[in-house]
Amino acid sequence: MDVKTMKLLTAVLYLIALFLMPLSIHASEHGPTDQLKPAIDKLIAILDDDTLKGESHKKERRAKIMSVISDGFDFREMSRRVLGSTWNTISAAERDYFTVQMTKLLENVYIGKLEGYSGEKVEFVAERIKGKRAQVTTLIEHEGSVLPVYYIMQNENKTWMVYDINIEGVSLIRNYMEQFSSILRQENYEGLLKTLEEKNKSFEEGS
């Protein structure tokens, strides 16, 4: 990952979670973009709610944000993809627990960034659907620059769910896959799980 890409990722980290939101509104009647657009308002309303701002409301605010995000982001599918073939070697209970830890990691890493939202403009410019997969293209205005962000979605029970985000060719899933693959090679699944648990614990202790 080159320096330019790293800078772009840093610039939009806090925007990523903005679009991991409920996509179930009239799911049987609309496509992925139609489900994505109205959901933005719900999350922005939480971020703009003065009664939820400040450190004293952090727990309540984050719970509401995560509730919204969880409705539209397929954490299990993401967990399966980032774990790769190792997913097939672990039990159903282990898959559930890994998904919990992966979800917690994303919450810890991105929610704080999301709370830095300051009215960035978003334009939906394209939608591409192929079978049960779709890509919604958006442009985000940030500090004088326009950044393309692509939301990769799949249709589950007539509901479009986000399972990956691509920023200028850099996939969120692939980024984690590369990190996890390295740990898996050196420490196996148990080592990776321990790393996730310790990382989440460090966030909790630092909050």
N, C-alpha and C. Protein backbone atom coordinates (compact mmCIF):
# COMPACT_ATOMS: atom_id res chain seq x y z
N MET A 1 0.86 -1.19 0.00
CA MET A 1 0.00 0.00 0.00
C MET A 1 0.90 1.24 0.00
N ASP A 2 0.78 2.10 -1.04
CA ASP A 2 1.67 3.24 -1.15
C ASP A 2 1.24 4.38 -0.24
N VAL A 3 2.09 5.41 -0.17
CA VAL A 3 1.85 6.53 0.73
C VAL A 3 0.57 7.27 0.38
N LYS A 4 0.30 7.45 -0.92
CA LYS A 4 -0.90 8.16 -1.35
C LYS A 4 -2.15 7.43 -0.86
N THR A 5 -2.14 6.13 -1.04
CA THR A 5 -3.30 5.33 -0.62
C THR A 5 -3.49 5.40 0.88
N MET A 6 -2.40 5.35 1.63
CA MET A 6 -2.48 5.43 3.08
C MET A 6 -3.09 6.75 3.51
N LYS A 7 -2.72 7.83 2.85
CA LYS A 7 -3.25 9.13 3.19
C LYS A 7 -4.75 9.20 2.91
N LEU A 8 -5.14 8.63 1.78
CA LEU A 8 -6.55 8.64 1.43
C LEU A 8 -7.36 7.82 2.42
N LEU A 9 -6.82 6.67 2.82
CA LEU A 9 -7.52 5.84 3.79
C LEU A 9 -7.67 6.56 5.12
N THR A 10 -6.60 7.23 5.53
CA THR A 10 -6.66 7.97 6.79
C THR A 10 -7.70 9.07 6.72
N ALA A 11 -7.76 9.76 5.58
CA ALA A 11 -8.69 10.88 5.43
C ALA A 11 -10.14 10.46 5.52
N VAL A 12 -10.43 9.21 5.10
CA VAL A 12 -11.85 8.81 5.07
C VAL A 12 -12.19 7.72 6.08
N LEU A 13 -11.28 7.38 6.95
CA LEU A 13 -11.56 6.34 7.95
C LEU A 13 -12.82 6.65 8.73
N TYR A 14 -12.94 7.90 9.17
CA TYR A 14 -14.10 8.23 9.99
C TYR A 14 -15.38 8.33 9.17
N LEU A 15 -15.23 8.32 7.82
CA LEU A 15 -16.42 8.35 6.97
C LEU A 15 -16.91 6.94 6.64
N ILE A 16 -16.03 5.95 6.78
CA ILE A 16 -16.39 4.60 6.38
C ILE A 16 -17.64 4.10 7.08
N ALA A 17 -17.64 4.22 8.39
CA ALA A 17 -18.78 3.68 9.14
C ALA A 17 -20.06 4.43 8.86
N LEU A 18 -19.97 5.63 8.32
CA LEU A 18 -21.16 6.42 8.03
C LEU A 18 -22.13 5.69 7.13
N PHE A 19 -21.59 4.83 6.29
CA PHE A 19 -22.45 4.18 5.32
C PHE A 19 -22.73 2.72 5.63
N LEU A 20 -22.35 2.27 6.82
CA LEU A 20 -22.66 0.91 7.25
C LEU A 20 -23.95 0.99 8.06
N MET A 21 -25.03 1.09 7.38
CA MET A 21 -26.28 1.48 8.03
C MET A 21 -27.41 0.59 7.58
N PRO A 22 -28.63 0.74 8.19
CA PRO A 22 -29.72 -0.17 7.88
C PRO A 22 -30.14 -0.07 6.43
N LEU A 23 -30.23 -1.21 5.76
CA LEU A 23 -30.57 -1.24 4.36
C LEU A 23 -31.87 -1.99 4.12
N SER A 24 -32.69 -2.12 5.14
CA SER A 24 -33.88 -2.95 5.04
C SER A 24 -35.14 -2.18 4.65
N ILE A 25 -35.01 -0.86 4.49
CA ILE A 25 -36.18 -0.05 4.18
C ILE A 25 -36.73 -0.41 2.80
N HIS A 26 -37.95 -0.94 2.76
CA HIS A 26 -38.58 -1.34 1.51
C HIS A 26 -37.66 -2.21 0.68
N ALA A 27 -37.00 -3.16 1.34
CA ALA A 27 -35.98 -3.96 0.68
C ALA A 27 -36.52 -4.72 -0.51
N SER A 28 -37.75 -5.14 -0.46
CA SER A 28 -38.29 -5.93 -1.55
C SER A 28 -38.66 -5.08 -2.76
N GLU A 29 -38.67 -3.74 -2.61
CA GLU A 29 -39.13 -2.86 -3.68
C GLU A 29 -38.00 -2.07 -4.33
N HIS A 30 -36.87 -1.92 -3.66
CA HIS A 30 -35.83 -1.04 -4.17
C HIS A 30 -34.49 -1.75 -4.31
N GLY A 31 -33.62 -1.15 -5.13
CA GLY A 31 -32.29 -1.68 -5.32
C GLY A 31 -31.34 -1.18 -4.25
N PRO A 32 -30.06 -1.52 -4.37
CA PRO A 32 -29.08 -1.18 -3.34
C PRO A 32 -28.94 0.31 -3.08
N THR A 33 -28.89 1.13 -4.12
CA THR A 33 -28.75 2.57 -3.91
C THR A 33 -29.97 3.14 -3.22
N ASP A 34 -31.16 2.70 -3.64
CA ASP A 34 -32.39 3.19 -3.03
C ASP A 34 -32.46 2.83 -1.55
N GLN A 35 -31.85 1.71 -1.17
CA GLN A 35 -31.86 1.30 0.23
C GLN A 35 -30.78 2.03 1.02
N LEU A 36 -29.71 2.42 0.33
CA LEU A 36 -28.60 3.08 1.01
C LEU A 36 -28.90 4.55 1.31
N LYS A 37 -29.49 5.24 0.35
CA LYS A 37 -29.71 6.69 0.48
C LYS A 37 -30.52 7.10 1.72
N PRO A 38 -31.73 6.58 1.90
CA PRO A 38 -32.54 7.07 3.03
C PRO A 38 -31.94 6.73 4.38
N ALA A 39 -31.12 5.67 4.41
CA ALA A 39 -30.55 5.25 5.68
C ALA A 39 -29.50 6.22 6.19
N ILE A 40 -28.89 6.98 5.30
CA ILE A 40 -27.88 7.95 5.72
C ILE A 40 -28.47 8.94 6.72
N ASP A 41 -29.70 9.37 6.44
CA ASP A 41 -30.35 10.37 7.31
C ASP A 41 -30.46 9.89 8.75
N LYS A 42 -30.74 8.61 8.91
CA LYS A 42 -30.92 8.07 10.26
C LYS A 42 -29.64 8.15 11.08
N LEU A 43 -28.53 7.81 10.44
CA LEU A 43 -27.25 7.85 11.14
C LEU A 43 -26.79 9.29 11.41
N ILE A 44 -26.98 10.15 10.42
CA ILE A 44 -26.59 11.54 10.60
C ILE A 44 -27.40 12.19 11.72
N ALA A 45 -28.66 11.78 11.85
CA ALA A 45 -29.51 12.32 12.91
C ALA A 45 -28.93 12.00 14.28
N ILE A 46 -28.35 10.81 14.42
CA ILE A 46 -27.72 10.42 15.68
C ILE A 46 -26.49 11.29 15.92
N LEU A 47 -25.70 11.48 14.88
CA LEU A 47 -24.46 12.25 15.02
C LEU A 47 -24.74 13.73 15.29
N ASP A 48 -25.87 14.22 14.79
CA ASP A 48 -26.22 15.63 14.97
C ASP A 48 -27.06 15.89 16.22
N ASP A 49 -27.45 14.86 16.91
CA ASP A 49 -28.32 15.00 18.09
C ASP A 49 -27.52 15.56 19.26
N ASP A 50 -27.82 16.79 19.65
CA ASP A 50 -27.09 17.44 20.74
C ASP A 50 -27.20 16.69 22.06
N THR A 51 -28.31 15.98 22.24
CA THR A 51 -28.51 15.25 23.50
C THR A 51 -27.64 14.00 23.59
N LEU A 52 -26.99 13.64 22.48
CA LEU A 52 -26.13 12.46 22.46
C LEU A 52 -24.65 12.81 22.34
N LYS A 53 -24.34 14.09 22.32
CA LYS A 53 -22.95 14.51 22.16
C LYS A 53 -22.23 14.57 23.50
N GLY A 54 -20.90 14.50 23.42
CA GLY A 54 -20.09 14.60 24.62
C GLY A 54 -19.73 13.25 25.22
N GLU A 55 -18.69 13.26 26.04
CA GLU A 55 -18.18 12.04 26.66
C GLU A 55 -19.21 11.39 27.58
N SER A 56 -20.04 12.20 28.22
CA SER A 56 -21.01 11.65 29.17
C SER A 56 -22.09 10.82 28.48
N HIS A 57 -22.26 11.02 27.17
CA HIS A 57 -23.27 10.28 26.41
C HIS A 57 -22.64 9.27 25.46
N LYS A 58 -21.35 9.02 25.65
CA LYS A 58 -20.61 8.17 24.73
C LYS A 58 -21.22 6.77 24.62
N LYS A 59 -21.52 6.16 25.75
CA LYS A 59 -22.04 4.79 25.74
C LYS A 59 -23.37 4.70 25.00
N GLU A 60 -24.28 5.62 25.31
CA GLU A 60 -25.60 5.62 24.66
C GLU A 60 -25.46 5.92 23.17
N ARG A 61 -24.61 6.90 22.83
CA ARG A 61 -24.42 7.30 21.45
C ARG A 61 -23.86 6.15 20.61
N ARG A 62 -22.85 5.50 21.14
CA ARG A 62 -22.23 4.41 20.41
C ARG A 62 -23.15 3.20 20.27
N ALA A 63 -23.97 2.98 21.27
CA ALA A 63 -24.93 1.87 21.19
C ALA A 63 -25.93 2.13 20.06
N LYS A 64 -26.38 3.36 19.95
CA LYS A 64 -27.33 3.71 18.89
C LYS A 64 -26.67 3.61 17.52
N ILE A 65 -25.45 4.10 17.42
CA ILE A 65 -24.73 4.04 16.15
C ILE A 65 -24.52 2.58 15.73
N MET A 66 -24.10 1.76 16.69
CA MET A 66 -23.81 0.37 16.35
C MET A 66 -25.08 -0.38 15.98
N SER A 67 -26.18 -0.02 16.60
CA SER A 67 -27.45 -0.64 16.27
C SER A 67 -27.82 -0.36 14.82
N VAL A 68 -27.61 0.88 14.40
CA VAL A 68 -27.90 1.27 13.03
C VAL A 68 -26.97 0.55 12.06
N ILE A 69 -25.69 0.55 12.38
CA ILE A 69 -24.70 -0.08 11.51
C ILE A 69 -24.95 -1.57 11.37
N SER A 70 -25.27 -2.22 12.47
CA SER A 70 -25.43 -3.68 12.45
C SER A 70 -26.56 -4.14 11.55
N ASP A 71 -27.56 -3.28 11.35
CA ASP A 71 -28.67 -3.65 10.50
C ASP A 71 -28.28 -3.77 9.03
N GLY A 72 -27.24 -3.05 8.63
CA GLY A 72 -26.92 -3.01 7.21
C GLY A 72 -25.59 -3.59 6.81
N PHE A 73 -24.77 -3.94 7.76
CA PHE A 73 -23.45 -4.47 7.44
C PHE A 73 -23.39 -5.94 7.82
N ASP A 74 -23.04 -6.77 6.88
CA ASP A 74 -23.01 -8.22 7.10
C ASP A 74 -21.67 -8.60 7.73
N PHE A 75 -21.59 -8.51 9.05
CA PHE A 75 -20.35 -8.80 9.75
C PHE A 75 -19.93 -10.26 9.61
N ARG A 76 -20.90 -11.15 9.55
CA ARG A 76 -20.57 -12.57 9.41
C ARG A 76 -19.92 -12.86 8.05
N GLU A 77 -20.47 -12.26 7.01
CA GLU A 77 -19.89 -12.45 5.68
C GLU A 77 -18.49 -11.85 5.62
N MET A 78 -18.32 -10.70 6.23
CA MET A 78 -16.99 -10.10 6.27
C MET A 78 -16.02 -10.98 7.04
N SER A 79 -16.47 -11.50 8.16
CA SER A 79 -15.62 -12.37 8.98
C SER A 79 -15.21 -13.61 8.19
N ARG A 80 -16.15 -14.17 7.46
CA ARG A 80 -15.86 -15.35 6.65
C ARG A 80 -14.81 -15.05 5.60
N ARG A 81 -14.96 -13.91 4.96
CA ARG A 81 -14.04 -13.56 3.88
C ARG A 81 -12.64 -13.22 4.40
N VAL A 82 -12.55 -12.50 5.50
CA VAL A 82 -11.22 -12.13 5.99
C VAL A 82 -10.48 -13.34 6.56
N LEU A 83 -11.23 -14.34 7.02
CA LEU A 83 -10.59 -15.54 7.57
C LEU A 83 -10.20 -16.52 6.48
N GLY A 84 -10.80 -16.40 5.31
CA GLY A 84 -10.45 -17.26 4.19
C GLY A 84 -10.75 -18.72 4.44
N SER A 85 -9.87 -19.60 3.99
CA SER A 85 -10.09 -21.04 4.10
C SER A 85 -10.13 -21.52 5.55
N THR A 86 -9.54 -20.74 6.45
CA THR A 86 -9.56 -21.13 7.87
C THR A 86 -10.99 -21.19 8.40
N TRP A 87 -11.88 -20.39 7.83
CA TRP A 87 -13.29 -20.39 8.24
C TRP A 87 -13.88 -21.80 8.15
N ASN A 88 -13.47 -22.55 7.14
CA ASN A 88 -14.02 -23.90 6.92
C ASN A 88 -13.45 -24.93 7.89
N THR A 89 -12.42 -24.58 8.62
CA THR A 89 -11.78 -25.54 9.52
C THR A 89 -12.21 -25.39 10.97
N ILE A 90 -13.00 -24.36 11.26
CA ILE A 90 -13.42 -24.14 12.65
C ILE A 90 -14.90 -24.48 12.81
N SER A 91 -15.30 -24.71 14.05
CA SER A 91 -16.67 -25.13 14.33
C SER A 91 -17.65 -23.97 14.20
N ALA A 92 -18.94 -24.28 14.20
CA ALA A 92 -19.98 -23.26 14.12
C ALA A 92 -19.88 -22.28 15.29
N ALA A 93 -19.62 -22.83 16.49
CA ALA A 93 -19.49 -21.98 17.68
C ALA A 93 -18.29 -21.06 17.55
N GLU A 94 -17.18 -21.57 17.00
CA GLU A 94 -15.99 -20.76 16.81
C GLU A 94 -16.23 -19.66 15.78
N ARG A 95 -17.01 -19.98 14.74
CA ARG A 95 -17.35 -18.97 13.73
C ARG A 95 -18.16 -17.85 14.36
N ASP A 96 -19.11 -18.22 15.20
CA ASP A 96 -19.94 -17.21 15.88
C ASP A 96 -19.07 -16.32 16.76
N TYR A 97 -18.15 -16.93 17.49
CA TYR A 97 -17.31 -16.15 18.41
C TYR A 97 -16.34 -15.25 17.64
N PHE A 98 -15.80 -15.77 16.55
CA PHE A 98 -14.90 -14.97 15.73
C PHE A 98 -15.65 -13.77 15.16
N THR A 99 -16.89 -13.97 14.72
CA THR A 99 -17.70 -12.89 14.18
C THR A 99 -17.94 -11.82 15.24
N VAL A 100 -18.19 -12.25 16.48
CA VAL A 100 -18.38 -11.31 17.58
C VAL A 100 -17.12 -10.47 17.79
N GLN A 101 -15.97 -11.12 17.79
CA GLN A 101 -14.70 -10.41 18.01
C GLN A 101 -14.38 -9.48 16.84
N MET A 102 -14.66 -9.93 15.63
CA MET A 102 -14.40 -9.12 14.44
C MET A 102 -15.30 -7.89 14.44
N THR A 103 -16.56 -8.10 14.80
CA THR A 103 -17.51 -6.99 14.87
C THR A 103 -17.07 -5.97 15.91
N LYS A 104 -16.60 -6.47 17.05
CA LYS A 104 -16.13 -5.60 18.12
C LYS A 104 -14.91 -4.81 17.68
N LEU A 105 -14.03 -5.44 16.93
CA LEU A 105 -12.85 -4.76 16.44
C LEU A 105 -13.24 -3.60 15.53
N LEU A 106 -14.16 -3.86 14.60
CA LEU A 106 -14.60 -2.81 13.69
C LEU A 106 -15.28 -1.67 14.45
N GLU A 107 -16.05 -2.04 15.46
CA GLU A 107 -16.69 -1.02 16.29
C GLU A 107 -15.63 -0.17 16.97
N ASN A 108 -14.65 -0.81 17.58
CA ASN A 108 -13.61 -0.09 18.30
C ASN A 108 -12.77 0.79 17.38
N VAL A 109 -12.47 0.28 16.19
CA VAL A 109 -11.59 1.01 15.28
C VAL A 109 -12.32 2.19 14.62
N TYR A 110 -13.58 1.98 14.21
CA TYR A 110 -14.23 2.96 13.36
C TYR A 110 -15.24 3.89 14.02
N ILE A 111 -15.86 3.46 15.12
CA ILE A 111 -16.89 4.32 15.71
C ILE A 111 -16.32 5.66 16.15
N GLY A 112 -15.14 5.63 16.75
CA GLY A 112 -14.51 6.88 17.16
C GLY A 112 -14.26 7.81 15.98
N LYS A 113 -13.88 7.22 14.84
CA LYS A 113 -13.66 8.01 13.63
C LYS A 113 -14.99 8.58 13.13
N LEU A 114 -16.01 7.76 13.19
CA LEU A 114 -17.32 8.18 12.73
C LEU A 114 -17.82 9.39 13.49
N GLU A 115 -17.51 9.45 14.79
CA GLU A 115 -17.98 10.55 15.62
C GLU A 115 -17.32 11.87 15.24
N GLY A 116 -16.32 11.81 14.36
CA GLY A 116 -15.69 13.03 13.87
C GLY A 116 -16.38 13.58 12.63
N TYR A 117 -17.52 12.99 12.26
CA TYR A 117 -18.28 13.45 11.10
C TYR A 117 -18.60 14.94 11.23
N SER A 118 -18.37 15.70 10.16
CA SER A 118 -18.60 17.15 10.23
C SER A 118 -19.28 17.67 8.96
N GLY A 119 -20.29 16.95 8.51
CA GLY A 119 -21.10 17.46 7.40
C GLY A 119 -20.55 17.25 6.01
N GLU A 120 -19.66 16.28 5.81
CA GLU A 120 -19.13 16.01 4.48
C GLU A 120 -20.26 15.66 3.51
N LYS A 121 -20.16 16.15 2.28
CA LYS A 121 -21.19 15.90 1.28
C LYS A 121 -20.93 14.59 0.54
N VAL A 122 -22.00 13.88 0.26
CA VAL A 122 -21.90 12.60 -0.43
C VAL A 122 -22.79 12.62 -1.67
N GLU A 123 -22.23 12.17 -2.77
CA GLU A 123 -22.99 12.09 -4.02
C GLU A 123 -23.00 10.65 -4.51
N PHE A 124 -24.19 10.12 -4.77
CA PHE A 124 -24.32 8.78 -5.33
C PHE A 124 -24.26 8.91 -6.84
N VAL A 125 -23.28 8.26 -7.46
CA VAL A 125 -23.06 8.49 -8.89
C VAL A 125 -23.29 7.27 -9.77
N ALA A 126 -23.29 6.08 -9.22
CA ALA A 126 -23.46 4.90 -10.07
C ALA A 126 -23.87 3.69 -9.25
N GLU A 127 -24.49 2.75 -9.94
CA GLU A 127 -24.89 1.49 -9.33
C GLU A 127 -24.71 0.39 -10.37
N ARG A 128 -24.08 -0.69 -9.96
CA ARG A 128 -23.89 -1.82 -10.87
C ARG A 128 -24.34 -3.09 -10.17
N ILE A 129 -25.27 -3.81 -10.77
CA ILE A 129 -25.80 -5.03 -10.17
C ILE A 129 -25.50 -6.21 -11.09
N LYS A 130 -25.00 -7.28 -10.49
CA LYS A 130 -24.75 -8.51 -11.23
C LYS A 130 -25.22 -9.66 -10.36
N GLY A 131 -26.39 -10.19 -10.69
CA GLY A 131 -26.96 -11.26 -9.88
C GLY A 131 -27.29 -10.77 -8.49
N LYS A 132 -26.73 -11.42 -7.49
CA LYS A 132 -26.97 -11.04 -6.10
C LYS A 132 -25.88 -10.14 -5.55
N ARG A 133 -25.01 -9.64 -6.41
CA ARG A 133 -23.95 -8.74 -5.98
C ARG A 133 -24.18 -7.37 -6.59
N ALA A 134 -23.74 -6.35 -5.89
CA ALA A 134 -23.88 -4.98 -6.40
C ALA A 134 -22.75 -4.10 -5.90
N GLN A 135 -22.49 -3.06 -6.67
CA GLN A 135 -21.52 -2.04 -6.26
C GLN A 135 -22.17 -0.68 -6.40
N VAL A 136 -22.19 0.06 -5.30
CA VAL A 136 -22.73 1.43 -5.31
C VAL A 136 -21.55 2.39 -5.21
N THR A 137 -21.46 3.29 -6.16
CA THR A 137 -20.34 4.24 -6.20
C THR A 137 -20.77 5.59 -5.66
N THR A 138 -19.98 6.12 -4.74
CA THR A 138 -20.24 7.45 -4.19
C THR A 138 -18.99 8.31 -4.29
N LEU A 139 -19.20 9.60 -4.24
CA LEU A 139 -18.11 10.56 -4.18
C LEU A 139 -18.28 11.37 -2.90
N ILE A 140 -17.20 11.48 -2.12
CA ILE A 140 -17.25 12.20 -0.86
C ILE A 140 -16.35 13.43 -0.95
N GLU A 141 -16.92 14.58 -0.66
CA GLU A 141 -16.14 15.81 -0.63
C GLU A 141 -15.51 15.95 0.74
N HIS A 142 -14.19 16.01 0.78
CA HIS A 142 -13.49 16.08 2.07
C HIS A 142 -12.26 16.97 1.94
N GLU A 143 -12.27 18.09 2.66
CA GLU A 143 -11.14 19.02 2.70
C GLU A 143 -10.69 19.42 1.30
N GLY A 144 -11.66 19.75 0.46
CA GLY A 144 -11.34 20.24 -0.88
C GLY A 144 -11.08 19.17 -1.90
N SER A 145 -11.10 17.91 -1.50
CA SER A 145 -10.87 16.81 -2.43
C SER A 145 -12.15 15.99 -2.59
N VAL A 146 -12.25 15.30 -3.72
CA VAL A 146 -13.36 14.40 -3.96
C VAL A 146 -12.83 12.98 -4.00
N LEU A 147 -13.31 12.16 -3.09
CA LEU A 147 -12.80 10.80 -2.95
C LEU A 147 -13.87 9.79 -3.35
N PRO A 148 -13.55 8.87 -4.26
CA PRO A 148 -14.51 7.83 -4.63
C PRO A 148 -14.51 6.70 -3.60
N VAL A 149 -15.70 6.31 -3.17
CA VAL A 149 -15.86 5.20 -2.24
C VAL A 149 -16.91 4.25 -2.81
N TYR A 150 -16.56 2.97 -2.87
CA TYR A 150 -17.44 1.98 -3.47
C TYR A 150 -17.94 1.03 -2.38
N TYR A 151 -19.25 0.81 -2.34
CA TYR A 151 -19.85 -0.09 -1.38
C TYR A 151 -20.22 -1.39 -2.08
N ILE A 152 -19.63 -2.48 -1.64
CA ILE A 152 -19.87 -3.78 -2.23
C ILE A 152 -20.94 -4.48 -1.41
N MET A 153 -22.01 -4.90 -2.08
CA MET A 153 -23.17 -5.40 -1.37
C MET A 153 -23.63 -6.74 -1.95
N GLN A 154 -24.40 -7.47 -1.16
CA GLN A 154 -25.02 -8.68 -1.66
C GLN A 154 -26.46 -8.74 -1.18
N ASN A 155 -27.28 -9.41 -1.97
CA ASN A 155 -28.71 -9.50 -1.68
C ASN A 155 -28.99 -10.74 -0.86
N GLU A 156 -29.48 -10.53 0.35
CA GLU A 156 -29.83 -11.63 1.23
C GLU A 156 -31.30 -11.51 1.62
N ASN A 157 -32.10 -12.47 1.20
CA ASN A 157 -33.53 -12.45 1.51
C ASN A 157 -34.17 -11.12 1.12
N LYS A 158 -33.84 -10.67 -0.08
CA LYS A 158 -34.39 -9.43 -0.66
C LYS A 158 -33.90 -8.17 0.05
N THR A 159 -32.84 -8.28 0.81
CA THR A 159 -32.25 -7.12 1.48
C THR A 159 -30.79 -6.99 1.04
N TRP A 160 -30.42 -5.81 0.59
CA TRP A 160 -29.04 -5.56 0.19
C TRP A 160 -28.20 -5.23 1.41
N MET A 161 -27.10 -5.97 1.60
CA MET A 161 -26.22 -5.78 2.75
C MET A 161 -24.80 -5.46 2.29
N VAL A 162 -24.18 -4.50 2.96
CA VAL A 162 -22.78 -4.16 2.67
C VAL A 162 -21.86 -5.20 3.31
N TYR A 163 -20.90 -5.71 2.54
CA TYR A 163 -19.92 -6.62 3.12
C TYR A 163 -18.48 -6.20 2.82
N ASP A 164 -18.32 -5.12 2.06
CA ASP A 164 -16.97 -4.61 1.82
C ASP A 164 -17.07 -3.16 1.37
N ILE A 165 -16.00 -2.41 1.62
CA ILE A 165 -15.89 -1.03 1.16
C ILE A 165 -14.55 -0.88 0.45
N ASN A 166 -14.59 -0.27 -0.71
CA ASN A 166 -13.39 -0.11 -1.52
C ASN A 166 -13.12 1.37 -1.73
N ILE A 167 -11.95 1.82 -1.32
CA ILE A 167 -11.56 3.22 -1.45
C ILE A 167 -10.40 3.31 -2.42
N GLU A 168 -10.68 3.83 -3.62
CA GLU A 168 -9.68 3.96 -4.67
C GLU A 168 -8.90 2.66 -4.89
N GLY A 169 -9.63 1.58 -5.00
CA GLY A 169 -9.00 0.29 -5.30
C GLY A 169 -8.51 -0.47 -4.09
N VAL A 170 -8.64 0.10 -2.90
CA VAL A 170 -8.18 -0.57 -1.68
C VAL A 170 -9.39 -1.13 -0.94
N SER A 171 -9.45 -2.45 -0.85
CA SER A 171 -10.58 -3.13 -0.21
C SER A 171 -10.36 -3.28 1.28
N LEU A 172 -11.39 -2.93 2.06
CA LEU A 172 -11.32 -3.09 3.51
C LEU A 172 -11.11 -4.56 3.87
N ILE A 173 -11.84 -5.44 3.20
CA ILE A 173 -11.71 -6.87 3.47
C ILE A 173 -10.31 -7.36 3.13
N ARG A 174 -9.82 -6.98 1.95
CA ARG A 174 -8.50 -7.46 1.55
C ARG A 174 -7.42 -6.97 2.50
N ASN A 175 -7.57 -5.76 3.00
CA ASN A 175 -6.61 -5.21 3.95
C ASN A 175 -6.54 -6.09 5.21
N TYR A 176 -7.72 -6.47 5.74
CA TYR A 176 -7.73 -7.34 6.91
C TYR A 176 -7.27 -8.75 6.57
N MET A 177 -7.61 -9.22 5.38
CA MET A 177 -7.16 -10.56 4.96
C MET A 177 -5.64 -10.65 5.00
N GLU A 178 -4.99 -9.62 4.49
CA GLU A 178 -3.52 -9.61 4.46
C GLU A 178 -2.94 -9.60 5.87
N GLN A 179 -3.54 -8.79 6.75
CA GLN A 179 -3.07 -8.74 8.13
C GLN A 179 -3.27 -10.09 8.82
N PHE A 180 -4.45 -10.67 8.66
CA PHE A 180 -4.78 -11.92 9.33
C PHE A 180 -3.99 -13.10 8.77
N SER A 181 -3.75 -13.09 7.45
CA SER A 181 -3.00 -14.19 6.83
C SER A 181 -1.61 -14.30 7.42
N SER A 182 -1.00 -13.15 7.66
CA SER A 182 0.33 -13.13 8.25
C SER A 182 0.33 -13.74 9.65
N ILE A 183 -0.67 -13.38 10.44
CA ILE A 183 -0.77 -13.92 11.80
C ILE A 183 -1.08 -15.41 11.77
N LEU A 184 -1.97 -15.81 10.85
CA LEU A 184 -2.35 -17.22 10.74
C LEU A 184 -1.16 -18.09 10.37
N ARG A 185 -0.30 -17.58 9.51
CA ARG A 185 0.88 -18.34 9.10
C ARG A 185 1.83 -18.56 10.27
N GLN A 186 1.92 -17.57 11.13
CA GLN A 186 2.89 -17.64 12.23
C GLN A 186 2.31 -18.25 13.51
N GLU A 187 1.02 -17.99 13.76
CA GLU A 187 0.45 -18.38 15.05
C GLU A 187 -0.82 -19.22 14.96
N ASN A 188 -1.26 -19.55 13.73
CA ASN A 188 -2.48 -20.33 13.53
C ASN A 188 -3.71 -19.57 14.01
N TYR A 189 -4.86 -20.22 13.94
CA TYR A 189 -6.13 -19.55 14.28
C TYR A 189 -6.15 -19.10 15.73
N GLU A 190 -5.64 -19.93 16.63
CA GLU A 190 -5.66 -19.59 18.05
C GLU A 190 -4.89 -18.30 18.31
N GLY A 191 -3.79 -18.13 17.60
CA GLY A 191 -3.00 -16.91 17.76
C GLY A 191 -3.73 -15.68 17.25
N LEU A 192 -4.43 -15.84 16.13
CA LEU A 192 -5.19 -14.73 15.57
C LEU A 192 -6.31 -14.33 16.52
N LEU A 193 -7.02 -15.32 17.04
CA LEU A 193 -8.12 -15.03 17.96
C LEU A 193 -7.61 -14.31 19.20
N LYS A 194 -6.48 -14.75 19.72
CA LYS A 194 -5.90 -14.12 20.90
C LYS A 194 -5.54 -12.66 20.60
N THR A 195 -5.02 -12.43 19.39
CA THR A 195 -4.67 -11.07 18.99
C THR A 195 -5.89 -10.18 18.96
N LEU A 196 -6.99 -10.69 18.40
CA LEU A 196 -8.23 -9.93 18.33
C LEU A 196 -8.76 -9.62 19.74
N GLU A 197 -8.76 -10.62 20.59
CA GLU A 197 -9.25 -10.44 21.96
C GLU A 197 -8.43 -9.39 22.70
N GLU A 198 -7.12 -9.47 22.56
CA GLU A 198 -6.24 -8.53 23.25
C GLU A 198 -6.41 -7.11 22.71
N LYS A 199 -6.59 -7.02 21.39
CA LYS A 199 -6.79 -5.71 20.78
C LYS A 199 -8.08 -5.08 21.28
N ASN A 200 -9.15 -5.86 21.31
CA ASN A 200 -10.44 -5.34 21.81
C ASN A 200 -10.36 -4.98 23.28
N LYS A 201 -9.63 -5.78 24.05
CA LYS A 201 -9.47 -5.49 25.47
C LYS A 201 -8.73 -4.18 25.69
N SER A 202 -7.72 -3.93 24.86
CA SER A 202 -6.95 -2.69 24.99
C SER A 202 -7.81 -1.48 24.69
N PHE A 203 -8.73 -1.61 23.75
CA PHE A 203 -9.66 -0.51 23.45
C PHE A 203 -10.56 -0.25 24.65
N GLU A 204 -11.07 -1.31 25.26
CA GLU A 204 -11.98 -1.18 26.39
C GLU A 204 -11.27 -0.53 27.58
N GLU A 205 -10.03 -0.93 27.82
CA GLU A 205 -9.28 -0.37 28.94
C GLU A 205 -8.91 1.09 28.70
N GLY A 206 -8.81 1.45 27.42
CA GLY A 206 -8.40 2.82 27.12
C GLY A 206 -9.58 3.77 26.97
N SER A 207 -10.81 3.20 26.99
CA SER A 207 -11.98 4.05 26.82
C SER A 207 -12.39 4.74 28.10
